[in-house]
Amino acid sequence: MLDKPLLTTIGSFLDKCDSQVRNDIIERLTELQTGKQEIKAYKFIDEATLNDITLIV
């Protein structure tokens, strides 16, 4: 289990982020902007759907 979150947000803005995660995000965004990678399907989880999620441990 993590002692602290990998990243935190304020509204839709990134607030604090682990340095390795930040580097990964920047690399991915750069590759998307330059056309080296395609957009992948993703899932969005917000406070309204958080309680509906079942974690498999």
N, C-alpha and C. Protein backbone atom coordinates (compact mmCIF):
# COMPACT_ATOMS: atom_id res chain seq x y z
N MET A 1 0.85 -1.18 0.00
CA MET A 1 0.00 0.00 0.00
C MET A 1 0.88 1.23 0.00
N LEU A 2 0.40 2.28 -0.59
CA LEU A 2 1.17 3.53 -0.67
C LEU A 2 1.06 4.33 0.62
N ASP A 3 2.16 4.95 1.01
CA ASP A 3 2.14 5.84 2.16
C ASP A 3 1.54 7.19 1.82
N LYS A 4 1.71 7.60 0.57
CA LYS A 4 1.15 8.87 0.10
C LYS A 4 0.68 8.68 -1.34
N PRO A 5 -0.24 9.49 -1.80
CA PRO A 5 -0.75 9.33 -3.17
C PRO A 5 0.31 9.67 -4.21
N LEU A 6 0.20 9.04 -5.39
CA LEU A 6 1.12 9.35 -6.48
C LEU A 6 0.90 10.75 -7.02
N LEU A 7 -0.38 11.19 -7.00
CA LEU A 7 -0.69 12.54 -7.42
C LEU A 7 -1.97 13.00 -6.76
N THR A 8 -2.12 14.31 -6.66
CA THR A 8 -3.35 14.90 -6.13
C THR A 8 -3.81 15.97 -7.10
N THR A 9 -5.10 16.25 -7.06
CA THR A 9 -5.66 17.26 -7.93
C THR A 9 -6.47 18.26 -7.13
N ILE A 10 -6.66 19.42 -7.70
CA ILE A 10 -7.57 20.43 -7.19
C ILE A 10 -8.50 20.73 -8.36
N GLY A 11 -9.74 20.27 -8.24
CA GLY A 11 -10.65 20.40 -9.38
C GLY A 11 -10.12 19.57 -10.53
N SER A 12 -9.97 20.18 -11.70
CA SER A 12 -9.44 19.45 -12.85
C SER A 12 -7.95 19.70 -13.05
N PHE A 13 -7.28 20.31 -12.07
CA PHE A 13 -5.87 20.65 -12.18
C PHE A 13 -5.00 19.72 -11.35
N LEU A 14 -3.84 19.37 -11.90
CA LEU A 14 -2.86 18.58 -11.17
C LEU A 14 -2.24 19.45 -10.09
N ASP A 15 -2.22 18.96 -8.86
CA ASP A 15 -1.68 19.73 -7.74
C ASP A 15 -0.26 19.26 -7.42
N LYS A 16 -0.14 18.08 -6.84
CA LYS A 16 1.16 17.52 -6.50
C LYS A 16 1.30 16.18 -7.20
N CYS A 17 2.54 15.87 -7.60
CA CYS A 17 2.75 14.66 -8.38
C CYS A 17 4.14 14.09 -8.10
N ASP A 18 4.20 12.76 -7.94
CA ASP A 18 5.46 12.06 -7.80
C ASP A 18 6.33 12.36 -9.03
N SER A 19 7.63 12.56 -8.84
CA SER A 19 8.50 12.98 -9.95
C SER A 19 8.53 11.96 -11.09
N GLN A 20 8.54 10.68 -10.80
CA GLN A 20 8.55 9.67 -11.87
C GLN A 20 7.23 9.67 -12.63
N VAL A 21 6.13 9.81 -11.91
CA VAL A 21 4.81 9.87 -12.56
C VAL A 21 4.74 11.11 -13.44
N ARG A 22 5.24 12.25 -12.94
CA ARG A 22 5.26 13.48 -13.73
C ARG A 22 6.05 13.29 -15.02
N ASN A 23 7.22 12.65 -14.93
CA ASN A 23 8.02 12.39 -16.13
C ASN A 23 7.28 11.48 -17.10
N ASP A 24 6.60 10.47 -16.61
CA ASP A 24 5.82 9.57 -17.46
C ASP A 24 4.69 10.32 -18.16
N ILE A 25 4.02 11.21 -17.44
CA ILE A 25 2.92 11.99 -18.02
C ILE A 25 3.45 12.89 -19.12
N ILE A 26 4.56 13.59 -18.86
CA ILE A 26 5.13 14.49 -19.85
C ILE A 26 5.57 13.73 -21.10
N GLU A 27 6.19 12.57 -20.91
CA GLU A 27 6.62 11.75 -22.05
C GLU A 27 5.42 11.31 -22.89
N ARG A 28 4.37 10.86 -22.22
CA ARG A 28 3.16 10.41 -22.94
C ARG A 28 2.51 11.56 -23.70
N LEU A 29 2.37 12.72 -23.05
CA LEU A 29 1.76 13.87 -23.71
C LEU A 29 2.58 14.32 -24.91
N THR A 30 3.89 14.31 -24.78
CA THR A 30 4.76 14.70 -25.90
C THR A 30 4.57 13.76 -27.08
N GLU A 31 4.52 12.46 -26.81
CA GLU A 31 4.33 11.49 -27.88
C GLU A 31 2.95 11.62 -28.53
N LEU A 32 1.93 11.94 -27.75
CA LEU A 32 0.60 12.16 -28.31
C LEU A 32 0.58 13.41 -29.20
N GLN A 33 1.24 14.47 -28.74
CA GLN A 33 1.25 15.72 -29.50
C GLN A 33 2.04 15.62 -30.79
N THR A 34 3.07 14.78 -30.81
CA THR A 34 3.89 14.65 -32.01
C THR A 34 3.42 13.52 -32.92
N GLY A 35 2.35 12.82 -32.52
CA GLY A 35 1.79 11.76 -33.35
C GLY A 35 2.52 10.45 -33.27
N LYS A 36 3.43 10.29 -32.31
CA LYS A 36 4.16 9.04 -32.17
C LYS A 36 3.32 7.95 -31.51
N GLN A 37 2.26 8.35 -30.81
CA GLN A 37 1.35 7.39 -30.18
C GLN A 37 -0.09 7.81 -30.43
N GLU A 38 -0.97 6.83 -30.41
CA GLU A 38 -2.40 7.07 -30.56
C GLU A 38 -3.06 7.16 -29.19
N ILE A 39 -4.20 7.81 -29.14
CA ILE A 39 -4.97 7.89 -27.90
C ILE A 39 -5.56 6.53 -27.59
N LYS A 40 -5.40 6.07 -26.36
CA LYS A 40 -5.93 4.78 -25.93
C LYS A 40 -7.27 4.98 -25.23
N ALA A 41 -8.05 3.91 -25.19
CA ALA A 41 -9.30 3.95 -24.43
C ALA A 41 -8.96 4.06 -22.94
N TYR A 42 -9.78 4.74 -22.19
CA TYR A 42 -9.52 4.93 -20.77
C TYR A 42 -10.82 4.92 -19.99
N LYS A 43 -10.71 4.72 -18.70
CA LYS A 43 -11.87 4.76 -17.80
C LYS A 43 -11.72 5.97 -16.90
N PHE A 44 -12.82 6.64 -16.63
CA PHE A 44 -12.81 7.81 -15.77
C PHE A 44 -13.60 7.49 -14.52
N ILE A 45 -12.99 7.69 -13.37
CA ILE A 45 -13.64 7.42 -12.09
C ILE A 45 -13.72 8.74 -11.32
N ASP A 46 -14.93 9.10 -10.92
CA ASP A 46 -15.09 10.31 -10.12
C ASP A 46 -15.78 9.95 -8.81
N GLU A 47 -16.06 10.95 -7.99
CA GLU A 47 -16.65 10.68 -6.68
C GLU A 47 -18.00 9.98 -6.79
N ALA A 48 -18.76 10.26 -7.84
CA ALA A 48 -20.08 9.65 -8.00
C ALA A 48 -19.98 8.16 -8.29
N THR A 49 -18.92 7.71 -8.98
CA THR A 49 -18.81 6.30 -9.33
C THR A 49 -17.84 5.54 -8.43
N LEU A 50 -17.13 6.23 -7.56
CA LEU A 50 -16.12 5.59 -6.71
C LEU A 50 -16.71 4.49 -5.84
N ASN A 51 -17.88 4.69 -5.29
CA ASN A 51 -18.50 3.70 -4.41
C ASN A 51 -18.97 2.45 -5.15
N ASP A 52 -19.11 2.54 -6.48
CA ASP A 52 -19.57 1.40 -7.27
C ASP A 52 -18.43 0.47 -7.69
N ILE A 53 -17.21 0.83 -7.39
CA ILE A 53 -16.05 0.06 -7.83
C ILE A 53 -15.76 -1.06 -6.82
N THR A 54 -15.49 -2.24 -7.36
CA THR A 54 -15.09 -3.37 -6.53
C THR A 54 -13.61 -3.60 -6.78
N LEU A 55 -12.80 -3.55 -5.74
CA LEU A 55 -11.37 -3.77 -5.86
C LEU A 55 -11.08 -5.26 -5.73
N ILE A 56 -10.23 -5.75 -6.60
CA ILE A 56 -9.79 -7.14 -6.55
C ILE A 56 -8.37 -7.14 -6.00
N VAL A 57 -8.20 -7.78 -4.85
CA VAL A 57 -6.88 -7.77 -4.21
C VAL A 57 -6.28 -9.15 -4.26
